[in-house]
Amino acid sequence: MKFLIASDIHGSAYYCRALLKAYQEEQADRLLLLGDLLYHGPRNDLPKEYAPKQVIELLNQYKEQIFCVRGNCEAEVDQMVLEFPVLAEYILIPAGENMLFATHGHKYHPSQQPPLKNGDILLNGHTHVPKCEAAGNIIYMNPGSVSIPKEQSRHSYMIWDGQTFLWKDVETRETYLEYRLI
């Protein structure tokens, strides 16, 4: 199964459209969203084409293909307008011999890890900075942000085909980082 993994759309209709175009072009089977879908939050400037109602409309068209976790900007009212579950704190996905623990990152992150075994993957957004690094006995990955990248990173997403993780620019589809499971 092929996943497109993304985080932190923050209500940008422009970048949501770009992400969904990438999803179609990548021919992924599922879209794994790591939270902060509709609102920009108090610490961020408004992203390009800030239009949460349009983002709702765009994402609901893919409701059967989306797995999603709750970000720190999600509220229970968001579940009233989004037609796919958005309030889970985390999702566990088998990754070969290990597990992929997908969460937003405001509760579980490299400094506050969930109980994972050696070689498991902690996947989260929240920081808006792409990462792939060892964090103790686990691997920490972050796709970065679709709409509000930080630390001079790209507007990005990840592709995971069960073996290889690719970090890609949401507009150019250029791969700029790769990690292969052993």
N, C-alpha and C. Protein backbone atom coordinates (compact mmCIF):
# COMPACT_ATOMS: atom_id res chain seq x y z
N MET A 1 0.84 -1.18 0.00
CA MET A 1 0.00 0.00 0.00
C MET A 1 0.88 1.24 0.00
N LYS A 2 0.49 2.20 -0.78
CA LYS A 2 1.25 3.45 -0.91
C LYS A 2 0.50 4.58 -0.20
N PHE A 3 1.22 5.27 0.70
CA PHE A 3 0.66 6.38 1.47
C PHE A 3 1.28 7.70 1.01
N LEU A 4 0.47 8.74 0.92
CA LEU A 4 0.96 10.10 0.88
C LEU A 4 0.74 10.64 2.29
N ILE A 5 1.80 11.15 2.92
CA ILE A 5 1.76 11.61 4.30
C ILE A 5 2.00 13.12 4.32
N ALA A 6 1.11 13.86 4.99
CA ALA A 6 1.24 15.31 5.02
C ALA A 6 0.75 15.85 6.36
N SER A 7 1.17 17.05 6.66
CA SER A 7 0.79 17.69 7.92
C SER A 7 0.65 19.19 7.73
N ASP A 8 -0.11 19.78 8.61
CA ASP A 8 -0.15 21.24 8.77
C ASP A 8 -0.59 21.99 7.51
N ILE A 9 -1.79 21.68 7.03
CA ILE A 9 -2.39 22.42 5.91
C ILE A 9 -2.82 23.81 6.38
N HIS A 10 -3.28 23.90 7.61
CA HIS A 10 -3.62 25.18 8.26
C HIS A 10 -4.58 26.05 7.44
N GLY A 11 -5.56 25.43 6.80
CA GLY A 11 -6.61 26.20 6.12
C GLY A 11 -6.24 26.78 4.79
N SER A 12 -5.10 26.42 4.23
CA SER A 12 -4.68 26.97 2.94
C SER A 12 -5.33 26.19 1.80
N ALA A 13 -6.28 26.79 1.13
CA ALA A 13 -6.93 26.15 -0.02
C ALA A 13 -5.91 25.94 -1.14
N TYR A 14 -5.01 26.89 -1.31
CA TYR A 14 -3.98 26.79 -2.36
C TYR A 14 -3.13 25.52 -2.17
N TYR A 15 -2.58 25.35 -0.96
CA TYR A 15 -1.71 24.21 -0.72
C TYR A 15 -2.48 22.91 -0.56
N CYS A 16 -3.73 22.98 -0.14
CA CYS A 16 -4.56 21.78 -0.10
C CYS A 16 -4.80 21.27 -1.52
N ARG A 17 -5.11 22.17 -2.44
CA ARG A 17 -5.27 21.76 -3.85
C ARG A 17 -3.98 21.16 -4.41
N ALA A 18 -2.84 21.79 -4.09
CA ALA A 18 -1.55 21.27 -4.56
C ALA A 18 -1.29 19.88 -3.98
N LEU A 19 -1.64 19.69 -2.72
CA LEU A 19 -1.45 18.39 -2.07
C LEU A 19 -2.33 17.32 -2.72
N LEU A 20 -3.58 17.65 -2.97
CA LEU A 20 -4.49 16.68 -3.58
C LEU A 20 -4.10 16.36 -5.02
N LYS A 21 -3.53 17.33 -5.72
CA LYS A 21 -3.02 17.08 -7.07
C LYS A 21 -1.83 16.11 -6.98
N ALA A 22 -0.95 16.33 -6.01
CA ALA A 22 0.18 15.42 -5.80
C ALA A 22 -0.33 14.02 -5.46
N TYR A 23 -1.36 13.93 -4.61
CA TYR A 23 -1.95 12.65 -4.23
C TYR A 23 -2.42 11.89 -5.47
N GLN A 24 -3.08 12.58 -6.36
CA GLN A 24 -3.55 11.94 -7.60
C GLN A 24 -2.38 11.52 -8.48
N GLU A 25 -1.41 12.41 -8.67
CA GLU A 25 -0.27 12.12 -9.53
C GLU A 25 0.61 11.01 -8.98
N GLU A 26 0.74 10.94 -7.67
CA GLU A 26 1.54 9.90 -7.03
C GLU A 26 0.83 8.54 -7.05
N GLN A 27 -0.46 8.56 -7.33
CA GLN A 27 -1.30 7.35 -7.34
C GLN A 27 -1.20 6.59 -6.01
N ALA A 28 -1.26 7.35 -4.92
CA ALA A 28 -1.23 6.75 -3.58
C ALA A 28 -2.59 6.12 -3.28
N ASP A 29 -2.56 5.12 -2.40
CA ASP A 29 -3.79 4.44 -1.99
C ASP A 29 -4.50 5.14 -0.85
N ARG A 30 -3.72 5.77 0.03
CA ARG A 30 -4.27 6.45 1.20
C ARG A 30 -3.54 7.77 1.44
N LEU A 31 -4.28 8.68 2.04
CA LEU A 31 -3.75 9.98 2.43
C LEU A 31 -3.73 10.00 3.96
N LEU A 32 -2.54 10.05 4.54
CA LEU A 32 -2.37 10.10 5.99
C LEU A 32 -2.06 11.54 6.38
N LEU A 33 -3.01 12.17 7.09
CA LEU A 33 -2.87 13.57 7.50
C LEU A 33 -2.54 13.63 8.99
N LEU A 34 -1.50 14.38 9.33
CA LEU A 34 -1.00 14.45 10.70
C LEU A 34 -1.49 15.69 11.45
N GLY A 35 -2.69 16.16 11.13
CA GLY A 35 -3.32 17.21 11.91
C GLY A 35 -3.08 18.63 11.45
N ASP A 36 -3.76 19.55 12.14
CA ASP A 36 -3.78 20.98 11.85
C ASP A 36 -4.24 21.24 10.42
N LEU A 37 -5.46 20.82 10.16
CA LEU A 37 -6.02 20.90 8.81
C LEU A 37 -6.62 22.25 8.47
N LEU A 38 -7.41 22.83 9.38
CA LEU A 38 -8.26 23.97 9.02
C LEU A 38 -7.79 25.33 9.53
N TYR A 39 -7.18 25.39 10.69
CA TYR A 39 -6.89 26.70 11.29
C TYR A 39 -5.40 26.97 11.35
N HIS A 40 -5.04 28.24 11.30
CA HIS A 40 -3.63 28.61 11.24
C HIS A 40 -2.98 28.70 12.62
N GLY A 41 -3.75 28.83 13.68
CA GLY A 41 -3.20 28.92 15.02
C GLY A 41 -2.67 30.31 15.33
N PRO A 42 -2.51 30.65 16.61
CA PRO A 42 -2.12 32.00 17.00
C PRO A 42 -0.67 32.36 16.72
N ARG A 43 0.20 31.36 16.49
CA ARG A 43 1.63 31.66 16.28
C ARG A 43 2.00 31.78 14.81
N ASN A 44 1.07 31.45 13.92
CA ASN A 44 1.38 31.46 12.49
C ASN A 44 0.68 32.60 11.77
N ASP A 45 1.33 33.13 10.75
CA ASP A 45 0.66 34.07 9.87
C ASP A 45 -0.35 33.30 9.03
N LEU A 46 -1.29 34.01 8.44
CA LEU A 46 -2.25 33.36 7.54
C LEU A 46 -1.51 32.76 6.34
N PRO A 47 -1.78 31.50 6.02
CA PRO A 47 -1.13 30.91 4.84
C PRO A 47 -1.78 31.41 3.55
N LYS A 48 -1.13 31.14 2.45
CA LYS A 48 -1.62 31.53 1.13
C LYS A 48 -3.03 30.97 0.91
N GLU A 49 -3.94 31.84 0.45
CA GLU A 49 -5.35 31.49 0.20
C GLU A 49 -5.99 30.80 1.40
N TYR A 50 -5.90 31.46 2.55
CA TYR A 50 -6.52 30.94 3.77
C TYR A 50 -8.03 30.88 3.58
N ALA A 51 -8.58 29.68 3.51
CA ALA A 51 -10.01 29.48 3.26
C ALA A 51 -10.42 28.12 3.82
N PRO A 52 -10.58 28.01 5.15
CA PRO A 52 -10.91 26.72 5.76
C PRO A 52 -12.15 26.04 5.17
N LYS A 53 -13.17 26.81 4.78
CA LYS A 53 -14.37 26.19 4.20
C LYS A 53 -14.05 25.48 2.88
N GLN A 54 -13.14 26.06 2.10
CA GLN A 54 -12.73 25.40 0.85
C GLN A 54 -11.92 24.14 1.16
N VAL A 55 -11.08 24.19 2.18
CA VAL A 55 -10.29 23.02 2.57
C VAL A 55 -11.23 21.90 3.00
N ILE A 56 -12.28 22.22 3.75
CA ILE A 56 -13.28 21.22 4.15
C ILE A 56 -13.86 20.54 2.92
N GLU A 57 -14.29 21.34 1.98
CA GLU A 57 -14.88 20.83 0.74
C GLU A 57 -13.90 19.94 -0.02
N LEU A 58 -12.68 20.39 -0.16
CA LEU A 58 -11.66 19.64 -0.89
C LEU A 58 -11.36 18.30 -0.22
N LEU A 59 -11.14 18.31 1.09
CA LEU A 59 -10.78 17.08 1.79
C LEU A 59 -11.94 16.09 1.86
N ASN A 60 -13.16 16.60 2.05
CA ASN A 60 -14.31 15.69 2.14
C ASN A 60 -14.51 14.87 0.86
N GLN A 61 -14.02 15.35 -0.27
CA GLN A 61 -14.11 14.58 -1.52
C GLN A 61 -13.28 13.30 -1.45
N TYR A 62 -12.33 13.25 -0.51
CA TYR A 62 -11.42 12.10 -0.36
C TYR A 62 -11.66 11.34 0.94
N LYS A 63 -12.83 11.51 1.53
CA LYS A 63 -13.10 11.00 2.88
C LYS A 63 -12.84 9.51 3.04
N GLU A 64 -13.05 8.71 2.01
CA GLU A 64 -12.83 7.27 2.11
C GLU A 64 -11.35 6.90 2.01
N GLN A 65 -10.51 7.84 1.67
CA GLN A 65 -9.09 7.55 1.46
C GLN A 65 -8.21 8.19 2.52
N ILE A 66 -8.81 8.91 3.47
CA ILE A 66 -8.03 9.67 4.46
C ILE A 66 -7.99 8.96 5.81
N PHE A 67 -6.77 8.84 6.36
CA PHE A 67 -6.55 8.53 7.77
C PHE A 67 -6.01 9.84 8.35
N CYS A 68 -6.47 10.19 9.55
CA CYS A 68 -6.08 11.48 10.11
C CYS A 68 -5.92 11.39 11.62
N VAL A 69 -4.97 12.15 12.15
CA VAL A 69 -4.83 12.31 13.60
C VAL A 69 -5.11 13.77 13.97
N ARG A 70 -5.43 13.96 15.20
CA ARG A 70 -5.79 15.29 15.71
C ARG A 70 -4.55 16.14 15.96
N GLY A 71 -4.56 17.34 15.41
CA GLY A 71 -3.49 18.30 15.69
C GLY A 71 -3.87 19.19 16.85
N ASN A 72 -2.97 20.04 17.27
CA ASN A 72 -3.27 20.94 18.38
C ASN A 72 -4.23 22.06 17.97
N CYS A 73 -4.48 22.24 16.67
CA CYS A 73 -5.45 23.24 16.22
C CYS A 73 -6.82 22.63 15.92
N GLU A 74 -6.96 21.31 15.99
CA GLU A 74 -8.26 20.69 15.75
C GLU A 74 -9.14 20.83 16.99
N ALA A 75 -10.44 20.97 16.76
CA ALA A 75 -11.42 21.03 17.85
C ALA A 75 -12.56 20.08 17.50
N GLU A 76 -13.36 19.75 18.48
CA GLU A 76 -14.48 18.84 18.23
C GLU A 76 -15.44 19.38 17.18
N VAL A 77 -15.53 20.69 17.06
CA VAL A 77 -16.40 21.28 16.05
C VAL A 77 -15.92 20.93 14.64
N ASP A 78 -14.62 20.72 14.47
CA ASP A 78 -14.09 20.34 13.15
C ASP A 78 -14.67 19.00 12.70
N GLN A 79 -14.89 18.10 13.66
CA GLN A 79 -15.45 16.79 13.30
C GLN A 79 -16.87 16.93 12.78
N MET A 80 -17.54 18.01 13.12
CA MET A 80 -18.91 18.22 12.64
C MET A 80 -18.95 18.56 11.16
N VAL A 81 -17.85 19.07 10.60
CA VAL A 81 -17.84 19.48 9.19
C VAL A 81 -16.97 18.57 8.32
N LEU A 82 -16.04 17.86 8.93
CA LEU A 82 -15.19 16.94 8.17
C LEU A 82 -15.83 15.55 8.20
N GLU A 83 -15.91 14.90 7.07
CA GLU A 83 -16.64 13.64 6.94
C GLU A 83 -15.75 12.41 7.11
N PHE A 84 -14.60 12.57 7.75
CA PHE A 84 -13.70 11.48 8.08
C PHE A 84 -13.19 11.74 9.49
N PRO A 85 -12.80 10.71 10.24
CA PRO A 85 -12.37 10.91 11.62
C PRO A 85 -11.12 11.78 11.72
N VAL A 86 -11.16 12.77 12.62
CA VAL A 86 -10.03 13.68 12.80
C VAL A 86 -9.58 13.82 14.26
N LEU A 87 -10.17 13.07 15.16
CA LEU A 87 -9.91 13.30 16.58
C LEU A 87 -9.04 12.23 17.25
N ALA A 88 -8.51 11.27 16.50
CA ALA A 88 -7.62 10.26 17.08
C ALA A 88 -6.29 10.91 17.45
N GLU A 89 -5.75 10.53 18.59
CA GLU A 89 -4.46 11.08 19.03
C GLU A 89 -3.30 10.47 18.26
N TYR A 90 -3.48 9.22 17.81
CA TYR A 90 -2.43 8.55 17.05
C TYR A 90 -3.02 7.40 16.24
N ILE A 91 -2.23 6.93 15.28
CA ILE A 91 -2.58 5.77 14.47
C ILE A 91 -1.34 4.88 14.43
N LEU A 92 -1.53 3.57 14.60
CA LEU A 92 -0.44 2.61 14.47
C LEU A 92 -0.58 1.89 13.14
N ILE A 93 0.52 1.83 12.38
CA ILE A 93 0.53 1.18 11.08
C ILE A 93 1.73 0.23 11.05
N PRO A 94 1.51 -1.06 10.71
CA PRO A 94 2.65 -1.97 10.59
C PRO A 94 3.63 -1.47 9.53
N ALA A 95 4.92 -1.58 9.87
CA ALA A 95 6.00 -1.16 8.96
C ALA A 95 7.03 -2.28 8.94
N GLY A 96 6.75 -3.33 8.19
CA GLY A 96 7.63 -4.49 8.17
C GLY A 96 7.62 -5.16 9.53
N GLU A 97 8.80 -5.31 10.12
CA GLU A 97 8.94 -5.92 11.45
C GLU A 97 8.59 -4.95 12.57
N ASN A 98 8.43 -3.69 12.24
CA ASN A 98 8.23 -2.65 13.24
C ASN A 98 6.87 -1.97 13.08
N MET A 99 6.67 -0.94 13.88
CA MET A 99 5.44 -0.16 13.83
C MET A 99 5.75 1.29 13.51
N LEU A 100 4.82 1.91 12.81
CA LEU A 100 4.86 3.34 12.55
C LEU A 100 3.81 3.96 13.47
N PHE A 101 4.23 4.83 14.36
CA PHE A 101 3.36 5.53 15.30
C PHE A 101 3.16 6.94 14.74
N ALA A 102 1.99 7.18 14.15
CA ALA A 102 1.69 8.47 13.52
C ALA A 102 0.86 9.32 14.48
N THR A 103 1.32 10.53 14.74
CA THR A 103 0.65 11.46 15.64
C THR A 103 0.97 12.88 15.19
N HIS A 104 0.34 13.88 15.79
CA HIS A 104 0.62 15.25 15.36
C HIS A 104 1.99 15.74 15.83
N GLY A 105 2.32 15.52 17.09
CA GLY A 105 3.62 15.93 17.58
C GLY A 105 3.58 16.89 18.75
N HIS A 106 2.40 17.35 19.14
CA HIS A 106 2.34 18.26 20.28
C HIS A 106 2.31 17.51 21.61
N LYS A 107 1.98 16.21 21.58
CA LYS A 107 2.01 15.39 22.80
C LYS A 107 3.17 14.40 22.77
N TYR A 108 3.29 13.68 21.66
CA TYR A 108 4.38 12.72 21.48
C TYR A 108 5.35 13.27 20.44
N HIS A 109 6.63 13.26 20.78
CA HIS A 109 7.69 13.79 19.92
C HIS A 109 9.00 13.19 20.42
N PRO A 110 10.14 13.49 19.79
CA PRO A 110 11.39 12.85 20.21
C PRO A 110 11.73 13.02 21.69
N SER A 111 11.36 14.14 22.30
CA SER A 111 11.66 14.35 23.72
C SER A 111 10.62 13.73 24.64
N GLN A 112 9.46 13.38 24.12
CA GLN A 112 8.37 12.76 24.89
C GLN A 112 7.82 11.62 24.03
N GLN A 113 8.55 10.51 24.02
CA GLN A 113 8.22 9.40 23.12
C GLN A 113 7.14 8.49 23.70
N PRO A 114 6.29 7.96 22.84
CA PRO A 114 5.37 6.91 23.28
C PRO A 114 6.18 5.63 23.49
N PRO A 115 5.59 4.62 24.12
CA PRO A 115 6.33 3.37 24.29
C PRO A 115 6.49 2.65 22.95
N LEU A 116 7.69 2.70 22.42
CA LEU A 116 8.01 2.08 21.14
C LEU A 116 9.21 1.16 21.33
N LYS A 117 9.30 0.14 20.48
CA LYS A 117 10.45 -0.76 20.58
C LYS A 117 11.53 -0.36 19.59
N ASN A 118 12.68 -0.95 19.73
CA ASN A 118 13.83 -0.68 18.89
C ASN A 118 13.46 -0.79 17.41
N GLY A 119 13.75 0.25 16.64
CA GLY A 119 13.50 0.25 15.20
C GLY A 119 12.14 0.79 14.79
N ASP A 120 11.23 1.02 15.74
CA ASP A 120 9.93 1.60 15.39
C ASP A 120 10.12 3.03 14.90
N ILE A 121 9.08 3.55 14.24
CA ILE A 121 9.13 4.89 13.66
C ILE A 121 8.12 5.80 14.35
N LEU A 122 8.59 6.91 14.83
CA LEU A 122 7.72 7.97 15.35
C LEU A 122 7.58 9.00 14.24
N LEU A 123 6.35 9.16 13.77
CA LEU A 123 6.05 10.06 12.65
C LEU A 123 5.13 11.16 13.15
N ASN A 124 5.57 12.40 13.03
CA ASN A 124 4.69 13.50 13.40
C ASN A 124 5.00 14.75 12.59
N GLY A 125 4.05 15.69 12.63
CA GLY A 125 4.20 17.00 12.00
C GLY A 125 4.51 18.01 13.09
N HIS A 126 3.67 19.02 13.22
CA HIS A 126 3.66 20.03 14.28
C HIS A 126 4.80 21.05 14.20
N THR A 127 6.03 20.63 13.98
CA THR A 127 7.15 21.58 13.98
C THR A 127 7.30 22.31 12.66
N HIS A 128 6.68 21.79 11.60
CA HIS A 128 6.76 22.36 10.24
C HIS A 128 8.15 22.22 9.65
N VAL A 129 8.96 21.32 10.19
CA VAL A 129 10.34 21.13 9.73
C VAL A 129 10.54 19.65 9.37
N PRO A 130 10.87 19.34 8.12
CA PRO A 130 11.11 17.94 7.72
C PRO A 130 12.29 17.35 8.49
N LYS A 131 12.15 16.08 8.89
CA LYS A 131 13.22 15.40 9.63
C LYS A 131 13.22 13.92 9.31
N CYS A 132 14.39 13.33 9.41
CA CYS A 132 14.59 11.88 9.41
C CYS A 132 15.88 11.64 10.17
N GLU A 133 15.74 11.16 11.41
CA GLU A 133 16.91 11.00 12.26
C GLU A 133 16.66 9.96 13.34
N ALA A 134 17.73 9.44 13.88
CA ALA A 134 17.63 8.53 15.02
C ALA A 134 17.25 9.35 16.24
N ALA A 135 16.38 8.79 17.06
CA ALA A 135 16.00 9.41 18.34
C ALA A 135 16.01 8.30 19.38
N GLY A 136 17.17 8.07 19.95
CA GLY A 136 17.33 6.92 20.84
C GLY A 136 17.30 5.65 20.02
N ASN A 137 16.43 4.71 20.37
CA ASN A 137 16.36 3.44 19.65
C ASN A 137 15.30 3.43 18.55
N ILE A 138 14.71 4.57 18.28
CA ILE A 138 13.68 4.66 17.23
C ILE A 138 14.13 5.60 16.11
N ILE A 139 13.34 5.64 15.06
CA ILE A 139 13.57 6.57 13.95
C ILE A 139 12.49 7.64 14.03
N TYR A 140 12.89 8.89 13.99
CA TYR A 140 11.95 10.00 14.02
C TYR A 140 11.84 10.61 12.62
N MET A 141 10.61 10.76 12.15
CA MET A 141 10.35 11.35 10.84
C MET A 141 9.28 12.43 10.94
N ASN A 142 9.45 13.46 10.12
CA ASN A 142 8.49 14.56 10.04
C ASN A 142 8.40 14.98 8.57
N PRO A 143 7.18 15.04 8.00
CA PRO A 143 7.07 15.45 6.59
C PRO A 143 7.24 16.94 6.37
N GLY A 144 7.32 17.73 7.44
CA GLY A 144 7.32 19.19 7.29
C GLY A 144 5.89 19.68 7.16
N SER A 145 5.73 20.88 6.67
CA SER A 145 4.39 21.48 6.53
C SER A 145 4.04 21.68 5.06
N VAL A 146 2.80 21.40 4.75
CA VAL A 146 2.30 21.65 3.40
C VAL A 146 2.24 23.16 3.15
N SER A 147 1.75 23.93 4.12
CA SER A 147 1.45 25.35 3.85
C SER A 147 2.33 26.38 4.54
N ILE A 148 2.91 26.05 5.69
CA ILE A 148 3.68 27.04 6.45
C ILE A 148 5.00 26.40 6.89
N PRO A 149 5.91 26.13 5.96
CA PRO A 149 7.19 25.52 6.35
C PRO A 149 8.02 26.49 7.19
N LYS A 150 8.84 25.91 8.06
CA LYS A 150 9.69 26.73 8.93
C LYS A 150 11.15 26.34 8.74
N GLU A 151 12.03 27.19 9.24
CA GLU A 151 13.49 27.00 9.14
C GLU A 151 13.94 26.83 7.69
N GLN A 152 13.38 27.63 6.83
CA GLN A 152 13.73 27.66 5.40
C GLN A 152 13.56 26.30 4.72
N SER A 153 12.61 25.50 5.20
CA SER A 153 12.33 24.22 4.56
C SER A 153 11.30 24.42 3.45
N ARG A 154 11.00 23.37 2.74
CA ARG A 154 10.08 23.42 1.61
C ARG A 154 8.64 23.14 2.03
N HIS A 155 7.70 23.54 1.20
CA HIS A 155 6.31 23.11 1.32
C HIS A 155 6.34 21.63 0.92
N SER A 156 6.07 20.72 1.86
CA SER A 156 6.38 19.34 1.54
C SER A 156 5.40 18.31 2.06
N TYR A 157 5.60 17.10 1.56
CA TYR A 157 4.86 15.91 1.95
C TYR A 157 5.80 14.72 1.82
N MET A 158 5.33 13.55 2.26
CA MET A 158 6.10 12.32 2.13
C MET A 158 5.30 11.29 1.35
N ILE A 159 6.02 10.40 0.70
CA ILE A 159 5.45 9.20 0.08
C ILE A 159 6.09 8.01 0.78
N TRP A 160 5.28 7.01 1.13
CA TRP A 160 5.78 5.77 1.73
C TRP A 160 5.12 4.60 1.03
N ASP A 161 5.93 3.74 0.45
CA ASP A 161 5.42 2.58 -0.29
C ASP A 161 5.55 1.28 0.49
N GLY A 162 5.83 1.37 1.78
CA GLY A 162 6.02 0.19 2.61
C GLY A 162 7.49 -0.11 2.84
N GLN A 163 8.36 0.37 1.98
CA GLN A 163 9.80 0.18 2.09
C GLN A 163 10.57 1.50 2.17
N THR A 164 10.20 2.42 1.28
CA THR A 164 10.97 3.66 1.14
C THR A 164 10.10 4.87 1.46
N PHE A 165 10.68 5.80 2.22
CA PHE A 165 10.05 7.08 2.51
C PHE A 165 10.73 8.13 1.64
N LEU A 166 9.94 8.94 0.94
CA LEU A 166 10.45 10.03 0.12
C LEU A 166 9.84 11.33 0.60
N TRP A 167 10.67 12.35 0.81
CA TRP A 167 10.21 13.69 1.13
C TRP A 167 10.20 14.46 -0.18
N LYS A 168 9.04 15.11 -0.49
CA LYS A 168 8.91 15.79 -1.77
C LYS A 168 8.35 17.20 -1.61
N ASP A 169 8.74 18.05 -2.53
CA ASP A 169 8.21 19.41 -2.63
C ASP A 169 6.79 19.33 -3.18
N VAL A 170 5.84 19.96 -2.52
CA VAL A 170 4.43 19.84 -2.90
C VAL A 170 4.12 20.46 -4.26
N GLU A 171 4.90 21.44 -4.69
CA GLU A 171 4.64 22.08 -5.98
C GLU A 171 5.43 21.47 -7.13
N THR A 172 6.67 21.10 -6.89
CA THR A 172 7.51 20.58 -7.97
C THR A 172 7.56 19.06 -8.02
N ARG A 173 7.18 18.39 -6.93
CA ARG A 173 7.24 16.93 -6.75
C ARG A 173 8.69 16.43 -6.68
N GLU A 174 9.63 17.35 -6.58
CA GLU A 174 11.04 16.98 -6.49
C GLU A 174 11.31 16.27 -5.16
N THR A 175 11.97 15.12 -5.22
CA THR A 175 12.38 14.39 -4.03
C THR A 175 13.64 15.04 -3.48
N TYR A 176 13.65 15.37 -2.17
CA TYR A 176 14.82 15.99 -1.60
C TYR A 176 15.40 15.21 -0.40
N LEU A 177 14.72 14.13 0.02
CA LEU A 177 15.22 13.30 1.10
C LEU A 177 14.63 11.91 0.91
N GLU A 178 15.40 10.88 1.26
CA GLU A 178 14.94 9.50 1.10
C GLU A 178 15.45 8.65 2.26
N TYR A 179 14.59 7.74 2.74
CA TYR A 179 14.97 6.78 3.78
C TYR A 179 14.36 5.44 3.43
N ARG A 180 15.18 4.39 3.46
CA ARG A 180 14.71 3.05 3.12
C ARG A 180 14.77 2.17 4.35
N LEU A 181 13.65 1.48 4.64
CA LEU A 181 13.64 0.53 5.74
C LEU A 181 14.53 -0.64 5.41
N ILE A 182 15.22 -1.16 6.40
CA ILE A 182 16.14 -2.28 6.17
C ILE A 182 15.35 -3.58 6.19
